[in-house]
Amino acid sequence: MSPAEAYRVGTQAFSAGQFDVALRHLRTIPQAQALHLAAVSAQKLDQLDIAADLFRGALKLGPSDPNILNPELLFMLGRTHLEQNKVESAEQLFASSFSRAPTDYALRNLANLYWMQGATEKFTALIDHAPAGLRHAAIRLVIESGDV
């Protein structure tokens, strides 16, 4: 099967939620976007070691590609590391995701990790120094944590 055909079959399978088929086809293509989709497929199949390797492969092939090196991919790799109990690595990836795109979503992920770790000083510092546009999200996190 040609790489173009493997990509077509893999992306169709991914869209249909057939992650085993998507993984089988997309992981064979030495292209950053294909490896990214393969990594997400592996993550959905709870194949976390494979997912982490594929995420890293996508980053190596597309280190400056904004479609690859983006906050979402950093978050997903961080989540994979967290599920593997690689907490320090997950924290670094979540922090990098937040620094690249300080969104409500990224703030919540990093704050939740700090809260789960019991790192209340980091949690409080993150909330206290949240960008102005994220103040409401930060306040919601404090209320949800019960720390009011």
C-alpha atoms as a PDB file:
ATOM      1  CA  MET A   1       0.000   0.000   0.000  1.00  0.00           C
ATOM      2  CA  SER A   2       1.365   3.424  -0.903  1.00  0.00           C
ATOM      3  CA  PRO A   3       1.848   6.064   1.796  1.00  0.00           C
ATOM      4  CA  ALA A   4      -0.938   8.140   0.225  1.00  0.00           C
ATOM      5  CA  GLU A   5      -3.325   5.190   0.340  1.00  0.00           C
ATOM      6  CA  ALA A   6      -2.279   4.336   3.920  1.00  0.00           C
ATOM      7  CA  TYR A   7      -2.932   7.971   4.914  1.00  0.00           C
ATOM      8  CA  ARG A   8      -6.363   7.940   3.257  1.00  0.00           C
ATOM      9  CA  VAL A   9      -7.359   4.646   4.894  1.00  0.00           C
ATOM     10  CA  GLY A  10      -5.895   5.700   8.253  1.00  0.00           C
ATOM     11  CA  THR A  11      -7.609   9.089   8.372  1.00  0.00           C
ATOM     12  CA  GLN A  12     -10.943   7.598   7.324  1.00  0.00           C
ATOM     13  CA  ALA A  13     -10.617   4.963  10.040  1.00  0.00           C
ATOM     14  CA  PHE A  14      -9.686   7.664  12.569  1.00  0.00           C
ATOM     15  CA  SER A  15     -12.756   9.718  11.624  1.00  0.00           C
ATOM     16  CA  ALA A  16     -14.913   6.612  12.007  1.00  0.00           C
ATOM     17  CA  GLY A  17     -13.488   5.857  15.448  1.00  0.00           C
ATOM     18  CA  GLN A  18     -11.703   2.731  14.235  1.00  0.00           C
ATOM     19  CA  PHE A  19      -8.523   3.571  16.096  1.00  0.00           C
ATOM     20  CA  ASP A  20      -6.893   0.153  15.711  1.00  0.00           C
ATOM     21  CA  VAL A  21      -7.111   0.429  11.907  1.00  0.00           C
ATOM     22  CA  ALA A  22      -5.995   4.080  12.007  1.00  0.00           C
ATOM     23  CA  LEU A  23      -2.988   3.210  14.156  1.00  0.00           C
ATOM     24  CA  ARG A  24      -1.953   0.311  11.934  1.00  0.00           C
ATOM     25  CA  HIS A  25      -1.923   2.498   8.805  1.00  0.00           C
ATOM     26  CA  LEU A  26      -0.829   5.899  10.069  1.00  0.00           C
ATOM     27  CA  ARG A  27       2.162   4.795  12.153  1.00  0.00           C
ATOM     28  CA  THR A  28       3.893   3.562   8.990  1.00  0.00           C
ATOM     29  CA  ILE A  29       3.989   7.022   7.387  1.00  0.00           C
ATOM     30  CA  PRO A  30       7.054   9.144   8.201  1.00  0.00           C
ATOM     31  CA  GLN A  31       5.068  12.376   8.262  1.00  0.00           C
ATOM     32  CA  ALA A  32       4.355  14.483  11.346  1.00  0.00           C
ATOM     33  CA  GLN A  33       0.566  14.790  10.960  1.00  0.00           C
ATOM     34  CA  ALA A  34       0.181  11.054  10.300  1.00  0.00           C
ATOM     35  CA  LEU A  35       2.214  10.192  13.404  1.00  0.00           C
ATOM     36  CA  HIS A  36       0.195  12.675  15.447  1.00  0.00           C
ATOM     37  CA  LEU A  37      -3.069  10.970  14.447  1.00  0.00           C
ATOM     38  CA  ALA A  38      -1.480   7.564  15.071  1.00  0.00           C
ATOM     39  CA  ALA A  39      -0.459   8.742  18.558  1.00  0.00           C
ATOM     40  CA  VAL A  40      -3.991   9.896  19.341  1.00  0.00           C
ATOM     41  CA  SER A  41      -5.262   6.527  18.096  1.00  0.00           C
ATOM     42  CA  ALA A  42      -2.824   4.674  20.351  1.00  0.00           C
ATOM     43  CA  GLN A  43      -3.896   6.855  23.271  1.00  0.00           C
ATOM     44  CA  LYS A  44      -7.562   6.060  22.600  1.00  0.00           C
ATOM     45  CA  LEU A  45      -6.628   2.354  22.603  1.00  0.00           C
ATOM     46  CA  ASP A  46      -4.820   2.812  25.943  1.00  0.00           C
ATOM     47  CA  GLN A  47      -1.480   1.927  24.343  1.00  0.00           C
ATOM     48  CA  LEU A  48       0.323   4.673  26.207  1.00  0.00           C
ATOM     49  CA  ASP A  49       3.951   3.718  25.527  1.00  0.00           C
ATOM     50  CA  ILE A  50       3.228   3.586  21.810  1.00  0.00           C
ATOM     51  CA  ALA A  51       1.321   6.883  22.000  1.00  0.00           C
ATOM     52  CA  ALA A  52       4.215   8.634  23.745  1.00  0.00           C
ATOM     53  CA  ASP A  53       6.718   7.321  21.175  1.00  0.00           C
ATOM     54  CA  LEU A  54       4.505   8.431  18.292  1.00  0.00           C
ATOM     55  CA  PHE A  55       3.932  11.897  19.811  1.00  0.00           C
ATOM     56  CA  ARG A  56       7.710  12.292  20.165  1.00  0.00           C
ATOM     57  CA  GLY A  57       8.178  11.091  16.580  1.00  0.00           C
ATOM     58  CA  ALA A  58       5.689  13.676  15.331  1.00  0.00           C
ATOM     59  CA  LEU A  59       7.530  16.399  17.240  1.00  0.00           C
ATOM     60  CA  LYS A  60      10.880  15.313  15.749  1.00  0.00           C
ATOM     61  CA  LEU A  61       9.528  15.364  12.208  1.00  0.00           C
ATOM     62  CA  GLY A  62       7.723  18.669  12.600  1.00  0.00           C
ATOM     63  CA  PRO A  63       9.588  20.595  15.317  1.00  0.00           C
ATOM     64  CA  SER A  64       8.521  23.995  13.998  1.00  0.00           C
ATOM     65  CA  ASP A  65       5.239  22.987  12.371  1.00  0.00           C
ATOM     66  CA  PRO A  66       2.505  24.906  14.241  1.00  0.00           C
ATOM     67  CA  ASN A  67       0.083  22.073  13.458  1.00  0.00           C
ATOM     68  CA  ILE A  68       2.330  19.646  15.327  1.00  0.00           C
ATOM     69  CA  LEU A  69       4.179  21.688  17.922  1.00  0.00           C
ATOM     70  CA  ASN A  70       1.044  23.130  19.424  1.00  0.00           C
ATOM     71  CA  PRO A  71      -0.404  23.384  22.909  1.00  0.00           C
ATOM     72  CA  GLU A  72      -2.872  20.565  22.263  1.00  0.00           C
ATOM     73  CA  LEU A  73      -0.155  18.082  21.281  1.00  0.00           C
ATOM     74  CA  LEU A  74       1.931  19.107  24.285  1.00  0.00           C
ATOM     75  CA  PHE A  75      -1.123  18.581  26.483  1.00  0.00           C
ATOM     76  CA  MET A  76      -1.826  15.162  24.967  1.00  0.00           C
ATOM     77  CA  LEU A  77       1.769  14.044  25.423  1.00  0.00           C
ATOM     78  CA  GLY A  78       1.599  15.409  28.974  1.00  0.00           C
ATOM     79  CA  ARG A  79      -1.587  13.476  29.636  1.00  0.00           C
ATOM     80  CA  THR A  80       0.053  10.317  28.314  1.00  0.00           C
ATOM     81  CA  HIS A  81       2.993  10.888  30.653  1.00  0.00           C
ATOM     82  CA  LEU A  82       0.623  11.511  33.562  1.00  0.00           C
ATOM     83  CA  GLU A  83      -1.202   8.236  32.846  1.00  0.00           C
ATOM     84  CA  GLN A  84       2.221   6.555  32.926  1.00  0.00           C
ATOM     85  CA  ASN A  85       2.928   8.187  36.325  1.00  0.00           C
ATOM     86  CA  LYS A  86       5.666  10.378  34.812  1.00  0.00           C
ATOM     87  CA  VAL A  87       4.373  13.353  36.777  1.00  0.00           C
ATOM     88  CA  GLU A  88       7.387  15.662  36.439  1.00  0.00           C
ATOM     89  CA  SER A  89       7.438  15.250  32.671  1.00  0.00           C
ATOM     90  CA  ALA A  90       3.669  15.762  32.504  1.00  0.00           C
ATOM     91  CA  GLU A  91       3.999  18.948  34.539  1.00  0.00           C
ATOM     92  CA  GLN A  92       6.672  20.309  32.168  1.00  0.00           C
ATOM     93  CA  LEU A  93       4.534  19.547  29.132  1.00  0.00           C
ATOM     94  CA  PHE A  94       1.389  21.080  30.669  1.00  0.00           C
ATOM     95  CA  ALA A  95       3.373  24.192  31.664  1.00  0.00           C
ATOM     96  CA  SER A  96       4.785  24.466  28.139  1.00  0.00           C
ATOM     97  CA  SER A  97       1.293  24.110  26.703  1.00  0.00           C
ATOM     98  CA  PHE A  98       0.035  26.879  28.988  1.00  0.00           C
ATOM     99  CA  SER A  99       2.959  29.199  28.211  1.00  0.00           C
ATOM    100  CA  ARG A 100       2.432  28.788  24.451  1.00  0.00           C
ATOM    101  CA  ALA A 101      -1.318  29.348  24.636  1.00  0.00           C
ATOM    102  CA  PRO A 102      -2.611  30.596  27.996  1.00  0.00           C
ATOM    103  CA  THR A 103      -6.202  29.494  27.498  1.00  0.00           C
ATOM    104  CA  ASP A 104      -8.899  28.519  29.980  1.00  0.00           C
ATOM    105  CA  TYR A 105      -8.346  24.877  28.954  1.00  0.00           C
ATOM    106  CA  ALA A 106      -4.562  25.009  29.472  1.00  0.00           C
ATOM    107  CA  LEU A 107      -4.948  26.823  32.801  1.00  0.00           C
ATOM    108  CA  ARG A 108      -7.413  24.205  34.030  1.00  0.00           C
ATOM    109  CA  ASN A 109      -5.127  21.301  33.033  1.00  0.00           C
ATOM    110  CA  LEU A 110      -2.063  22.703  34.758  1.00  0.00           C
ATOM    111  CA  ALA A 111      -4.004  23.824  37.835  1.00  0.00           C
ATOM    112  CA  ASN A 112      -5.684  20.426  38.159  1.00  0.00           C
ATOM    113  CA  LEU A 113      -2.305  18.695  37.980  1.00  0.00           C
ATOM    114  CA  TYR A 114      -0.959  20.952  40.738  1.00  0.00           C
ATOM    115  CA  TRP A 115      -4.066  20.325  42.818  1.00  0.00           C
ATOM    116  CA  MET A 116      -3.849  16.550  42.379  1.00  0.00           C
ATOM    117  CA  GLN A 117      -0.194  16.680  43.446  1.00  0.00           C
ATOM    118  CA  GLY A 118      -1.101  18.671  46.542  1.00  0.00           C
ATOM    119  CA  ALA A 119       1.192  21.430  45.249  1.00  0.00           C
ATOM    120  CA  THR A 120      -0.938  24.194  46.720  1.00  0.00           C
ATOM    121  CA  GLU A 121       1.810  26.814  46.422  1.00  0.00           C
ATOM    122  CA  LYS A 122       2.146  26.183  42.673  1.00  0.00           C
ATOM    123  CA  PHE A 123      -1.633  26.074  42.319  1.00  0.00           C
ATOM    124  CA  THR A 124      -2.057  29.379  44.156  1.00  0.00           C
ATOM    125  CA  ALA A 125       0.776  31.058  42.219  1.00  0.00           C
ATOM    126  CA  LEU A 126      -0.706  29.935  38.907  1.00  0.00           C
ATOM    127  CA  ILE A 127      -4.143  31.243  39.862  1.00  0.00           C
ATOM    128  CA  ASP A 128      -2.782  34.498  41.299  1.00  0.00           C
ATOM    129  CA  HIS A 129      -0.732  35.208  38.176  1.00  0.00           C
ATOM    130  CA  ALA A 130      -3.282  34.106  35.591  1.00  0.00           C
ATOM    131  CA  PRO A 131      -3.537  36.534  32.670  1.00  0.00           C
ATOM    132  CA  ALA A 132      -6.307  39.100  32.988  1.00  0.00           C
ATOM    133  CA  GLY A 133      -8.463  37.337  30.395  1.00  0.00           C
ATOM    134  CA  LEU A 134      -8.412  34.167  32.490  1.00  0.00           C
ATOM    135  CA  ARG A 135      -9.362  35.666  35.837  1.00  0.00           C
ATOM    136  CA  HIS A 136     -12.889  34.204  35.735  1.00  0.00           C
ATOM    137  CA  ALA A 137     -11.526  30.731  34.927  1.00  0.00           C
ATOM    138  CA  ALA A 138      -9.009  31.078  37.758  1.00  0.00           C
ATOM    139  CA  ILE A 139     -11.719  32.106  40.219  1.00  0.00           C
ATOM    140  CA  ARG A 140     -13.853  29.121  39.135  1.00  0.00           C
ATOM    141  CA  LEU A 141     -10.908  26.793  39.801  1.00  0.00           C
ATOM    142  CA  VAL A 142     -10.476  28.165  43.307  1.00  0.00           C
ATOM    143  CA  ILE A 143     -14.200  27.757  44.020  1.00  0.00           C
ATOM    144  CA  GLU A 144     -14.203  24.205  42.590  1.00  0.00           C
ATOM    145  CA  SER A 145     -11.187  23.294  44.719  1.00  0.00           C
ATOM    146  CA  GLY A 146     -13.110  24.312  47.821  1.00  0.00           C
ATOM    147  CA  ASP A 147     -10.312  26.675  48.778  1.00  0.00           C
ATOM    148  CA  VAL A 148     -12.540  29.724  49.422  1.00  0.00           C
END
